[in-house]
């Protein structure tokens, strides 16, 4: 076996051995520069002290910090970033400035950028504000409604000899239109559906807009002392965002005192949204808008205390909206009125209604509509193409399988609950996207059968078998509700009456039947449904529908 002589050099960083053979004993001393001396070790195990130095390596770096550095050895602003959201009233926020150093520090200045309409004040203004070690001071940040539409400001706290902390303030100023509207206000919900129609008339529908756009068209009476104010509101804020009260959903609240953080009010069937705005109003000069922090069926918890006293007041949701057409102010020099049309920025999120009435897994709408002017108007649409070469017989081609019936039905909704439920039903339709069944509410199959009804049944002959055989879904209105059946087939008996074979028997006595209607598969004809609001939470709506299949 060969013998080797020499010495082993270990690698040191900051005096700590990084690599070292397990069989080595204690190593020699390490000097302050990180270099060390090792003994010379022979293969026979003898150790001869040596003095051979190895090269040193210099390292540079920085302290990684620890948990204590979160609070100490720095100037701490709380908060350091402030998002005001939508600013509809003057706001005051507290800013804490903490000297986390173990020595005193001097605040020489607070430099402001973009601070129009914003002021920052403290107990002792700069220059030369002395912060003792671990001392905290409080500053008040006041944000006024008067100022640029967009809030984007920064406040730099300049201290001697250290990095300067910065307070960032962002948000948007919006103006409330505080005038109670007259009756016949308009509201519409607009979805967006792309319909592709095949040659035979069948459809494929694609949703283009997940949430509807909400629009309001209103008229409000303006008193003489408000005419000049309205003039300046429209002149200075025409192209900006507005805080638009939803007057149609307002409700009376219990008395509210200045500083109250909770308002007792029934919130059912109103579009009150956590994190967005609401308002309490008792007049065009006496109102307060605020952010909703939390809500229940009986109260609203606010993001700040109410400003002002409201022995009686109306609480209503507030939507952020923009004008979609030029507002109009009409005046005779003494009083006047305004006409506005708004589209809401934050689209409504009505929860789609889960229908308790279905047939073949499809919702059935069984609320009987009103007859407009005493009439219901149907139009019968079927694609017809004319082939005419001008020299011979004219030929007609009708590629659609079924005739599509268009109808408008009218409703009067006389409570906020009925309006809310109707909007939830519209949300389930998603405009023209989702179909539904709906009876004609007419006696299309006058019953001749008597006694206990199974299948088939006999009805009066009105050409159902000859011309209406495609109409294979029916709704039976009884004294206790509705029954829905599919028609297997039509035939004519020896008396000339029509025999209707059903998917299953009706299983009730003929005397229990009020009428039997055809019930086609429908969809909304338009993605936009409009409502007209009258006083006392009464709304009128006209709904256009198209029959897809009979």
Protein backbone atom coordinates (compact mmCIF):
# COMPACT_ATOMS: atom_id res chain seq x y z
CA UNK A 1 0.00 0.00 0.00
CA UNK A 2 1.32 3.40 -0.92
CA UNK A 3 1.99 6.02 1.72
CA UNK A 4 0.90 9.65 1.25
CA UNK A 5 2.07 12.65 3.17
CA UNK A 6 0.58 16.13 3.39
CA UNK A 7 -2.23 17.96 5.16
CA UNK A 8 -5.98 18.25 4.75
CA UNK A 9 -7.60 21.67 4.24
CA UNK A 10 -11.19 22.15 5.36
CA UNK A 11 -13.33 24.91 3.88
CA UNK A 12 -14.48 27.59 6.28
CA UNK A 13 -17.17 30.27 5.92
CA UNK A 14 -17.25 32.80 8.74
CA UNK A 15 -15.20 30.40 10.87
CA UNK A 16 -17.67 27.49 10.56
CA UNK A 17 -16.41 24.24 8.92
CA UNK A 18 -18.56 23.32 5.93
CA UNK A 19 -16.82 20.14 4.77
CA UNK A 20 -14.95 17.95 7.22
CA UNK A 21 -14.06 14.26 7.32
CA UNK A 22 -15.92 12.43 10.06
CA UNK A 23 -12.72 10.85 11.44
CA UNK A 24 -10.91 14.17 12.01
CA UNK A 25 -10.51 15.33 15.53
CA UNK A 26 -10.68 18.90 16.74
CA UNK A 27 -9.29 21.33 14.26
CA UNK A 28 -6.92 24.14 14.88
CA UNK A 29 -7.92 27.65 15.85
CA UNK A 30 -9.51 29.99 13.34
CA UNK A 31 -8.31 33.56 13.13
CA UNK A 32 -10.60 36.59 12.86
CA UNK A 33 -10.36 36.80 9.06
CA UNK A 34 -11.76 33.32 8.63
CA UNK A 35 -8.47 31.63 7.77
CA UNK A 36 -7.23 28.68 9.81
CA UNK A 37 -4.34 26.29 10.32
CA UNK A 38 -4.59 22.53 10.26
CA UNK A 39 -2.31 19.87 11.56
CA UNK A 40 -0.43 17.58 9.14
CA UNK A 41 -1.88 14.10 9.43
CA UNK A 42 -0.01 11.06 8.28
CA UNK A 43 -1.60 7.85 7.09
CA UNK A 44 -0.23 6.04 10.11
CA UNK A 45 -2.43 8.26 12.33
CA UNK A 46 0.31 10.46 13.70
CA UNK A 47 -0.37 14.18 13.83
CA UNK A 48 2.29 16.80 13.32
CA UNK A 49 1.19 20.38 14.10
CA UNK A 50 1.53 22.47 11.00
CA UNK A 51 1.42 26.12 10.18
CA UNK A 52 0.34 26.08 6.53
CA UNK A 53 -2.28 28.82 5.98
CA UNK A 54 -4.91 28.58 3.23
CA UNK A 55 -6.30 31.46 1.22
CA UNK A 56 -9.10 33.59 2.72
CA UNK A 57 -12.30 34.55 0.87
CA UNK A 58 -14.19 37.79 1.57
CA UNK A 59 -18.02 37.77 1.45
CA UNK A 60 -20.45 40.70 1.38
CA UNK A 61 -24.23 40.68 2.03
CA UNK A 62 -27.04 42.11 4.12
CA UNK A 63 -29.14 41.08 7.05
CA UNK A 64 -32.26 39.17 6.03
CA UNK A 65 -34.27 40.65 8.88
CA UNK A 66 -36.51 38.96 11.38
CA UNK A 67 -39.98 39.13 12.89
CA UNK A 68 -39.07 42.13 15.04
CA UNK A 69 -38.23 44.15 11.92
CA UNK A 70 -41.93 44.17 10.98
CA UNK A 71 -42.54 46.60 13.84
CA UNK A 72 -39.13 48.02 14.74
CA UNK A 73 -36.32 49.92 13.02
CA UNK A 74 -38.75 51.52 10.58
CA UNK A 75 -41.48 54.14 10.29
CA UNK A 76 -44.81 52.34 10.13
CA UNK A 77 -47.92 53.89 8.54
CA UNK A 78 -51.27 52.30 9.32
CA UNK A 79 -52.82 52.17 6.81
CA UNK A 80 -50.21 52.85 4.15
CA UNK A 81 -52.64 52.23 1.26
CA UNK A 82 -56.18 53.59 1.38
CA UNK A 83 -58.77 52.69 -1.28
CA UNK A 84 -61.78 54.95 -0.79
CA UNK A 85 -63.94 53.16 -3.36
CA UNK A 86 -66.82 55.30 -4.59
CA UNK A 87 -66.84 58.58 -2.69
CA UNK A 88 -70.31 60.11 -2.38
CA UNK A 89 -69.85 62.18 0.81
CA UNK A 90 -67.02 63.88 2.70
CA UNK A 91 -64.85 61.36 4.53
CA UNK A 92 -62.35 61.55 7.41
CA UNK A 93 -59.89 58.70 8.02
CA UNK A 94 -57.26 58.32 10.75
CA UNK A 95 -53.64 57.59 9.82
CA UNK A 96 -51.24 56.32 12.50
CA UNK A 97 -47.52 57.13 12.16
CA UNK A 98 -45.32 54.96 14.42
CA UNK A 99 -41.59 55.51 15.00
CA UNK A 100 -40.35 51.95 15.37
CA UNK A 101 -36.73 53.02 15.94
CA UNK A 102 -35.14 52.87 19.37
CA UNK A 103 -33.96 56.43 18.86
CA UNK A 104 -35.83 59.65 18.14
CA UNK A 105 -36.59 60.70 14.56
CA UNK A 106 -37.49 64.06 13.02
CA UNK A 107 -40.31 64.54 10.48
CA UNK A 108 -39.21 67.44 8.31
CA UNK A 109 -42.01 67.55 5.72
CA UNK A 110 -45.02 65.79 4.19
CA UNK A 111 -44.85 66.04 0.40
CA UNK A 112 -48.19 65.75 -1.40
CA UNK A 113 -48.89 64.74 -5.01
CA UNK A 114 -52.43 64.80 -6.47
CA UNK A 115 -54.03 66.05 -3.28
CA UNK A 116 -56.79 68.26 -4.71
CA UNK A 117 -59.74 68.10 -2.34
CA UNK A 118 -57.70 66.14 0.25
CA UNK A 119 -55.99 67.42 3.38
CA UNK A 120 -53.76 65.70 5.94
CA UNK A 121 -53.49 67.32 9.35
CA UNK A 122 -51.92 66.32 12.68
CA UNK A 123 -51.43 67.57 16.20
CA UNK A 124 -48.10 69.13 15.25
CA UNK A 125 -47.55 70.01 11.59
CA UNK A 126 -44.10 69.77 9.99
CA UNK A 127 -41.38 70.91 9.79
CA UNK A 128 -39.33 69.47 12.62
CA UNK A 129 -41.86 67.25 14.31
CA UNK A 130 -39.98 65.22 16.87
CA UNK A 131 -40.94 61.55 17.22
CA UNK A 132 -39.48 60.02 20.38
CA UNK A 133 -38.36 56.41 20.31
CA UNK A 134 -41.38 54.12 19.79
CA UNK A 135 -43.75 57.10 19.69
CA UNK A 136 -46.98 57.07 17.66
CA UNK A 137 -48.81 60.11 16.33
CA UNK A 138 -52.23 60.26 14.61
CA UNK A 139 -53.01 62.31 11.50
CA UNK A 140 -56.46 63.02 10.05
CA UNK A 141 -57.00 62.56 6.33
CA UNK A 142 -60.04 64.54 5.12
CA UNK A 143 -61.39 63.80 1.64
CA UNK A 144 -63.96 66.20 0.19
CA UNK A 145 -66.54 65.41 -2.47
CA UNK A 146 -65.44 68.59 -4.23
CA UNK A 147 -62.46 67.66 -6.35
CA UNK A 148 -61.37 65.70 -9.43
CA UNK A 149 -63.51 62.64 -10.38
CA UNK A 150 -60.54 60.31 -9.89
CA UNK A 151 -58.69 60.26 -6.57
CA UNK A 152 -55.02 59.33 -6.90
CA UNK A 153 -52.87 60.98 -4.25
CA UNK A 154 -49.66 60.20 -2.39
CA UNK A 155 -48.30 61.65 0.85
CA UNK A 156 -44.57 61.16 1.49
CA UNK A 157 -43.43 61.48 5.12
CA UNK A 158 -39.89 62.88 4.97
CA UNK A 159 -37.71 61.86 7.94
CA UNK A 160 -34.07 62.72 8.44
CA UNK A 161 -31.61 59.99 7.49
CA UNK A 162 -34.08 57.14 6.76
CA UNK A 163 -36.26 55.88 3.92
CA UNK A 164 -39.44 57.92 3.54
CA UNK A 165 -42.74 56.02 3.96
CA UNK A 166 -45.57 56.85 1.53
CA UNK A 167 -49.34 56.93 2.06
CA UNK A 168 -51.25 56.13 -1.18
CA UNK A 169 -54.90 57.20 -1.53
CA UNK A 170 -57.12 56.07 -4.43
CA UNK A 171 -60.82 56.15 -5.24
CA UNK A 172 -63.51 57.79 -7.36
CA UNK A 173 -65.72 60.75 -6.63
CA UNK A 174 -69.32 60.34 -7.71
CA UNK A 175 -72.30 62.67 -7.41
CA UNK A 176 -75.74 61.69 -6.09
CA UNK A 177 -78.81 62.71 -8.11
CA UNK A 178 -81.08 63.27 -5.08
CA UNK A 179 -84.45 64.05 -6.70
CA UNK A 180 -87.40 61.77 -6.09
CA UNK A 181 -88.83 60.52 -9.36
CA UNK A 182 -92.37 60.75 -10.71
CA UNK A 183 -94.55 57.81 -11.69
CA UNK A 184 -94.19 56.11 -15.08
CA UNK A 185 -90.47 55.63 -14.56
CA UNK A 186 -88.92 53.08 -16.88
CA UNK A 187 -86.62 50.19 -15.99
CA UNK A 188 -85.24 47.58 -18.37
CA UNK A 189 -83.06 44.48 -18.11
CA UNK A 190 -81.12 43.59 -21.25
CA UNK A 191 -79.34 40.30 -21.96
CA UNK A 192 -77.50 39.41 -25.18
CA UNK A 193 -78.21 36.19 -27.10
CA UNK A 194 -76.91 35.11 -30.49
CA UNK A 195 -79.54 32.99 -32.28
CA UNK A 196 -78.54 30.82 -35.24
CA UNK A 197 -81.55 29.50 -37.16
CA UNK A 198 -81.26 26.40 -39.31
CA UNK A 199 -82.97 25.93 -42.67
CA UNK A 200 -85.87 24.05 -41.08
CA UNK A 201 -86.42 26.75 -38.44
CA UNK A 202 -84.77 25.05 -35.49
CA UNK A 203 -82.53 27.24 -33.35
CA UNK A 204 -79.21 27.19 -31.60
CA UNK A 205 -78.84 29.93 -29.01
CA UNK A 206 -75.56 31.19 -27.53
CA UNK A 207 -75.32 33.42 -24.47
CA UNK A 208 -73.34 36.59 -25.13
CA UNK A 209 -73.78 38.39 -21.79
CA UNK A 210 -73.78 36.62 -18.44
CA UNK A 211 -75.48 39.41 -16.49
CA UNK A 212 -78.12 41.80 -17.79
CA UNK A 213 -77.57 45.50 -18.27
CA UNK A 214 -79.94 47.59 -16.21
CA UNK A 215 -81.30 50.91 -17.47
CA UNK A 216 -83.50 53.56 -15.87
CA UNK A 217 -85.47 56.35 -17.53
CA UNK A 218 -86.89 58.84 -15.05
CA UNK A 219 -88.60 62.20 -14.66
CA UNK A 220 -88.35 64.28 -11.49
CA UNK A 221 -90.01 67.53 -10.40
CA UNK A 222 -87.54 70.26 -9.39
CA UNK A 223 -88.43 72.95 -6.88
CA UNK A 224 -87.41 76.58 -7.52
CA UNK A 225 -84.46 76.56 -5.09
CA UNK A 226 -83.01 73.46 -6.83
CA UNK A 227 -83.06 74.74 -10.42
CA UNK A 228 -79.62 76.34 -10.31
CA UNK A 229 -78.13 73.34 -8.54
CA UNK A 230 -79.46 70.96 -11.20
CA UNK A 231 -78.01 73.24 -13.88
CA UNK A 232 -74.54 72.96 -12.37
CA UNK A 233 -74.85 69.22 -11.70
CA UNK A 234 -75.60 68.48 -15.35
CA UNK A 235 -73.05 71.01 -16.60
CA UNK A 236 -70.13 69.86 -14.45
CA UNK A 237 -70.84 66.13 -14.15
CA UNK A 238 -72.44 65.22 -17.52
CA UNK A 239 -69.75 62.73 -18.61
CA UNK A 240 -68.93 61.19 -15.21
CA UNK A 241 -70.28 58.41 -12.99
CA UNK A 242 -73.34 59.10 -10.84
CA UNK A 243 -74.69 57.58 -7.66
CA UNK A 244 -78.21 56.74 -8.81
CA UNK A 245 -80.77 55.92 -6.10
CA UNK A 246 -83.11 53.08 -7.03
CA UNK A 247 -86.23 54.99 -6.02
CA UNK A 248 -88.51 52.12 -7.02
CA UNK A 249 -87.08 49.94 -4.22
CA UNK A 250 -87.06 52.50 -1.39
CA UNK A 251 -88.61 51.65 1.97
CA UNK A 252 -89.16 53.48 5.26
CA UNK A 253 -86.61 52.97 8.04
CA UNK A 254 -86.76 53.32 11.79
CA UNK A 255 -85.41 56.66 13.12
CA UNK A 256 -81.68 57.05 12.48
CA UNK A 257 -79.38 59.25 14.57
CA UNK A 258 -76.08 60.86 13.70
CA UNK A 259 -73.26 58.30 13.99
CA UNK A 260 -75.48 55.20 13.85
CA UNK A 261 -73.67 52.24 12.33
CA UNK A 262 -76.80 50.08 11.93
CA UNK A 263 -80.07 51.03 10.23
CA UNK A 264 -83.17 49.02 11.09
CA UNK A 265 -85.04 48.50 7.83
CA UNK A 266 -86.69 45.65 5.92
CA UNK A 267 -84.28 44.73 3.11
CA UNK A 268 -86.33 41.95 1.49
CA UNK A 269 -86.98 42.25 -2.25
CA UNK A 270 -84.49 45.09 -2.64
CA UNK A 271 -81.16 45.03 -4.45
CA UNK A 272 -79.04 45.85 -1.39
CA UNK A 273 -75.52 44.50 -1.96
CA UNK A 274 -72.77 44.04 0.62
CA UNK A 275 -69.74 46.11 -0.35
CA UNK A 276 -71.77 48.55 -2.43
CA UNK A 277 -73.77 51.70 -1.75
CA UNK A 278 -77.10 52.54 -0.16
CA UNK A 279 -78.64 55.83 0.92
CA UNK A 280 -81.00 57.29 3.50
CA UNK A 281 -83.03 60.20 2.14
CA UNK A 282 -85.58 62.66 3.48
CA UNK A 283 -85.07 65.47 0.98
CA UNK A 284 -82.79 66.69 -1.85
CA UNK A 285 -80.61 68.50 0.70
CA UNK A 286 -80.92 65.97 3.51
CA UNK A 287 -79.48 62.58 2.64
CA UNK A 288 -76.44 60.43 3.27
CA UNK A 289 -74.91 57.70 1.13
CA UNK A 290 -72.75 54.95 2.63
CA UNK A 291 -71.21 51.54 1.98
CA UNK A 292 -73.03 48.40 3.17
CA UNK A 293 -70.74 46.33 5.38
CA UNK A 294 -73.27 43.57 6.15
CA UNK A 295 -77.00 43.02 5.91
CA UNK A 296 -79.84 40.87 7.18
CA UNK A 297 -83.54 40.80 6.37
CA UNK A 298 -84.13 43.47 9.01
CA UNK A 299 -81.11 45.76 9.05
CA UNK A 300 -78.07 47.17 7.29
CA UNK A 301 -74.64 47.45 8.92
CA UNK A 302 -72.71 50.41 7.53
CA UNK A 303 -69.06 50.94 6.80
CA UNK A 304 -69.19 54.20 8.78
CA UNK A 305 -71.59 56.13 10.96
CA UNK A 306 -74.50 58.02 9.40
CA UNK A 307 -73.99 61.75 8.98
CA UNK A 308 -77.06 63.60 10.23
CA UNK A 309 -80.32 62.77 11.98
CA UNK A 310 -83.23 61.15 10.14
CA UNK A 311 -86.38 60.89 12.34
CA UNK A 312 -88.05 59.49 9.23
CA UNK A 313 -86.27 58.56 6.06
CA UNK A 314 -86.35 56.35 3.02
CA UNK A 315 -83.58 53.76 2.65
CA UNK A 316 -82.84 52.61 -0.87
CA UNK A 317 -80.11 50.89 -2.87
CA UNK A 318 -77.71 53.03 -4.90
CA UNK A 319 -76.24 51.99 -8.23
CA UNK A 320 -73.22 53.46 -9.97
CA UNK A 321 -74.49 54.64 -13.36
CA UNK A 322 -73.71 56.84 -16.35
CA UNK A 323 -75.95 58.94 -18.53
CA UNK A 324 -76.63 57.30 -21.90
CA UNK A 325 -78.32 60.34 -23.44
CA UNK A 326 -78.32 64.05 -22.81
CA UNK A 327 -80.29 64.95 -19.68
CA UNK A 328 -83.00 67.54 -20.10
CA UNK A 329 -84.03 70.30 -17.72
CA UNK A 330 -87.37 71.99 -18.39
CA UNK A 331 -88.21 75.18 -16.51
CA UNK A 332 -90.75 78.01 -16.66
CA UNK A 333 -88.44 80.24 -14.66
CA UNK A 334 -90.06 79.27 -11.40
CA UNK A 335 -90.16 75.46 -11.18
CA UNK A 336 -89.24 72.65 -13.52
CA UNK A 337 -88.52 69.00 -14.13
CA UNK A 338 -85.62 66.87 -15.36
CA UNK A 339 -85.59 63.87 -17.72
CA UNK A 340 -82.71 61.40 -17.49
CA UNK A 341 -81.72 58.05 -18.93
CA UNK A 342 -79.06 56.00 -17.12
CA UNK A 343 -77.35 52.66 -17.62
CA UNK A 344 -76.02 50.96 -14.51
CA UNK A 345 -72.32 50.11 -14.32
CA UNK A 346 -72.57 47.31 -11.73
CA UNK A 347 -74.97 44.86 -13.39
CA UNK A 348 -77.69 43.23 -11.27
CA UNK A 349 -77.16 39.69 -10.02
CA UNK A 350 -80.68 38.36 -9.44
CA UNK A 351 -80.72 34.75 -8.32
CA UNK A 352 -82.51 32.69 -11.02
CA UNK A 353 -85.84 31.32 -9.86
CA UNK A 354 -86.08 27.58 -9.35
CA UNK A 355 -89.52 26.79 -10.73
CA UNK A 356 -91.77 24.40 -8.83
CA UNK A 357 -93.81 23.78 -12.00
CA UNK A 358 -92.08 21.81 -14.76
CA UNK A 359 -92.87 19.47 -17.63
CA UNK A 360 -90.27 17.20 -19.21
CA UNK A 361 -87.66 19.00 -17.09
CA UNK A 362 -88.58 22.44 -18.49
CA UNK A 363 -90.08 25.31 -16.48
CA UNK A 364 -93.77 26.04 -17.06
CA UNK A 365 -95.03 29.61 -16.65
CA UNK A 366 -98.61 29.42 -15.41
CA UNK A 367 -99.32 32.99 -14.23
CA UNK A 368 -102.20 34.03 -16.44
CA UNK A 369 -101.41 37.30 -18.24
CA UNK A 370 -103.71 40.26 -18.69
CA UNK A 371 -105.48 40.99 -21.93
CA UNK A 372 -104.19 44.31 -23.22
CA UNK A 373 -107.23 46.38 -24.14
CA UNK A 374 -109.32 43.24 -23.74
CA UNK A 375 -107.38 41.38 -26.44
CA UNK A 376 -104.44 39.02 -26.86
CA UNK A 377 -102.68 39.42 -30.19
CA UNK A 378 -100.99 36.45 -31.91
CA UNK A 379 -98.96 36.62 -35.10
CA UNK A 380 -98.10 33.49 -37.10
CA UNK A 381 -94.63 33.45 -38.58
CA UNK A 382 -93.33 30.90 -41.07
CA UNK A 383 -90.54 31.37 -43.58
CA UNK A 384 -91.89 31.36 -47.12
CA UNK A 385 -89.65 31.75 -50.16
CA UNK A 386 -91.01 32.69 -53.58
CA UNK A 387 -89.48 31.24 -56.74
CA UNK A 388 -90.49 33.42 -59.67
CA UNK A 389 -88.64 33.54 -62.98
CA UNK A 390 -91.28 35.88 -64.43
CA UNK A 391 -92.08 33.46 -67.25
CA UNK A 392 -94.11 30.69 -65.64
CA UNK A 393 -95.92 29.58 -62.53
CA UNK A 394 -94.78 31.08 -59.21
CA UNK A 395 -93.62 28.42 -56.75
CA UNK A 396 -93.64 28.75 -52.95
CA UNK A 397 -91.12 26.99 -50.68
CA UNK A 398 -91.64 26.77 -46.91
CA UNK A 399 -88.50 25.21 -45.33
CA UNK A 400 -89.56 25.64 -41.68
CA UNK A 401 -91.02 22.61 -39.96
CA UNK A 402 -93.35 24.57 -37.68
CA UNK A 403 -95.21 27.85 -37.69
CA UNK A 404 -93.87 30.12 -34.95
CA UNK A 405 -96.50 32.03 -32.98
CA UNK A 406 -95.49 35.39 -31.51
CA UNK A 407 -97.48 36.83 -28.63
CA UNK A 408 -97.14 39.66 -26.14
CA UNK A 409 -98.49 39.14 -22.66
CA UNK A 410 -98.96 41.86 -20.06
CA UNK A 411 -98.55 41.68 -16.29
CA UNK A 412 -99.28 44.03 -13.42
CA UNK A 413 -96.96 43.46 -10.46
CA UNK A 414 -98.38 45.13 -7.36
CA UNK A 415 -95.68 44.52 -4.75
CA UNK A 416 -91.91 44.51 -4.47
CA UNK A 417 -92.09 40.77 -3.84
CA UNK A 418 -93.90 40.15 -7.13
CA UNK A 419 -91.42 42.38 -8.99
CA UNK A 420 -88.45 40.60 -7.39
CA UNK A 421 -89.84 37.15 -8.22
CA UNK A 422 -90.54 38.21 -11.82
CA UNK A 423 -86.98 39.52 -12.18
CA UNK A 424 -85.71 36.22 -10.77
CA UNK A 425 -87.79 34.42 -13.40
CA UNK A 426 -86.25 36.64 -16.09
CA UNK A 427 -82.80 35.84 -14.71
CA UNK A 428 -83.55 32.14 -15.18
CA UNK A 429 -84.51 32.84 -18.82
CA UNK A 430 -81.24 34.75 -19.47
CA UNK A 431 -82.90 36.75 -22.19
CA UNK A 432 -83.73 34.64 -25.26
CA UNK A 433 -81.44 31.80 -24.17
CA UNK A 434 -83.48 29.46 -21.93
CA UNK A 435 -86.91 28.26 -23.17
CA UNK A 436 -90.02 27.58 -21.11
CA UNK A 437 -93.50 26.15 -21.56
CA UNK A 438 -96.54 28.39 -21.35
CA UNK A 439 -100.22 27.53 -21.88
CA UNK A 440 -102.33 29.63 -24.22
CA UNK A 441 -104.88 29.97 -21.38
CA UNK A 442 -107.57 29.26 -23.99
CA UNK A 443 -109.92 26.28 -24.31
CA UNK A 444 -108.16 24.83 -27.37
CA UNK A 445 -109.50 21.30 -26.76
CA UNK A 446 -113.14 21.63 -25.57
CA UNK A 447 -113.76 18.46 -23.60
CA UNK A 448 -116.64 16.14 -24.60
CA UNK A 449 -115.66 13.13 -22.51
CA UNK A 450 -117.55 12.60 -19.27
CA UNK A 451 -116.93 10.64 -16.10
CA UNK A 452 -113.49 9.51 -15.00
CA UNK A 453 -110.86 10.52 -17.56
CA UNK A 454 -108.03 8.22 -18.58
CA UNK A 455 -106.67 8.14 -22.14
CA UNK A 456 -107.78 8.83 -24.80
CA UNK A 457 -110.16 11.74 -24.36
CA UNK A 458 -112.69 13.14 -26.82
CA UNK A 459 -112.85 16.85 -27.68
CA UNK A 460 -114.79 19.03 -30.08
CA UNK A 461 -113.46 19.08 -33.63
CA UNK A 462 -111.75 22.37 -34.48
CA UNK A 463 -109.40 20.92 -37.10
CA UNK A 464 -106.94 19.79 -34.45
CA UNK A 465 -106.37 16.44 -36.17
CA UNK A 466 -106.15 17.87 -39.68
CA UNK A 467 -104.17 21.07 -39.15
CA UNK A 468 -102.95 21.06 -35.56
CA UNK A 469 -101.49 17.59 -35.25
CA UNK A 470 -98.03 19.05 -34.61
CA UNK A 471 -99.29 20.61 -31.39
CA UNK A 472 -98.46 17.76 -29.07
CA UNK A 473 -98.02 19.37 -25.64
CA UNK A 474 -101.10 20.34 -23.63
CA UNK A 475 -101.92 21.89 -20.25
CA UNK A 476 -105.08 20.89 -18.39
CA UNK A 477 -106.41 23.52 -15.99
CA UNK A 478 -108.35 21.90 -13.16
CA UNK A 479 -110.09 23.14 -10.05
CA UNK A 480 -107.01 22.21 -8.03
CA UNK A 481 -104.16 23.23 -10.38
CA UNK A 482 -102.50 22.15 -13.61
CA UNK A 483 -101.78 18.83 -15.33
CA UNK A 484 -99.39 18.54 -18.26
CA UNK A 485 -99.42 15.81 -20.88
CA UNK A 486 -97.89 14.94 -24.24
CA UNK A 487 -100.21 14.01 -27.11
CA UNK A 488 -99.45 10.65 -28.72
CA UNK A 489 -101.78 11.23 -31.64
CA UNK A 490 -105.05 12.70 -32.96
CA UNK A 491 -107.83 10.92 -34.83
CA UNK A 492 -111.47 11.55 -35.78
CA UNK A 493 -114.20 9.22 -34.55
CA UNK A 494 -117.45 8.26 -36.27
CA UNK A 495 -119.24 11.29 -34.81
CA UNK A 496 -116.72 13.67 -36.32
CA UNK A 497 -115.21 14.44 -32.91
CA UNK A 498 -111.46 14.38 -32.25
CA UNK A 499 -109.94 11.58 -30.19
CA UNK A 500 -106.78 12.63 -28.37
CA UNK A 501 -104.39 9.90 -27.16
CA UNK A 502 -102.30 11.06 -24.19
CA UNK A 503 -98.96 9.99 -22.76
CA UNK A 504 -100.83 9.05 -19.57
CA UNK A 505 -104.39 9.28 -18.28
CA UNK A 506 -105.68 12.41 -16.56
CA UNK A 507 -107.10 10.28 -13.72
CA UNK A 508 -109.74 12.72 -12.54
CA UNK A 509 -113.41 13.39 -13.16
CA UNK A 510 -114.39 15.47 -16.19
CA UNK A 511 -116.25 17.90 -13.93
CA UNK A 512 -112.89 18.89 -12.39
CA UNK A 513 -111.56 20.21 -15.72
CA UNK A 514 -111.87 23.95 -16.41
CA UNK A 515 -110.21 24.02 -19.85
CA UNK A 516 -107.47 22.35 -21.90
CA UNK A 517 -104.84 24.52 -23.64
CA UNK A 518 -102.12 23.93 -26.14
CA UNK A 519 -98.75 24.52 -24.48
CA UNK A 520 -95.83 25.21 -26.80
CA UNK A 521 -92.16 25.60 -25.95
CA UNK A 522 -91.50 29.36 -25.83
CA UNK A 523 -88.63 31.78 -25.45
CA UNK A 524 -88.49 35.53 -24.99
CA UNK A 525 -88.65 37.34 -28.33
CA UNK A 526 -86.35 40.10 -27.08
CA UNK A 527 -83.29 40.15 -24.86
CA UNK A 528 -84.55 43.43 -23.37
CA UNK A 529 -87.57 43.46 -21.04
CA UNK A 530 -88.91 46.85 -19.96
CA UNK A 531 -91.07 47.76 -16.97
CA UNK A 532 -93.07 50.89 -16.24
CA UNK A 533 -93.18 51.88 -12.59
CA UNK A 534 -96.11 53.60 -10.96
CA UNK A 535 -96.48 54.72 -7.37
CA UNK A 536 -96.90 52.34 -4.43
CA UNK A 537 -94.55 49.69 -5.85
CA UNK A 538 -96.83 48.91 -8.79
CA UNK A 539 -95.15 47.96 -12.07
CA UNK A 540 -96.49 47.10 -15.50
CA UNK A 541 -94.58 44.92 -17.95
CA UNK A 542 -95.19 43.66 -21.48
CA UNK A 543 -93.35 40.44 -22.32
CA UNK A 544 -92.96 39.37 -25.96
CA UNK A 545 -92.64 35.60 -26.49
CA UNK A 546 -92.00 33.34 -29.50
CA UNK A 547 -93.04 29.70 -29.78
CA UNK A 548 -90.08 27.53 -30.78
CA UNK A 549 -91.87 24.19 -31.07
CA UNK A 550 -95.57 23.37 -30.56
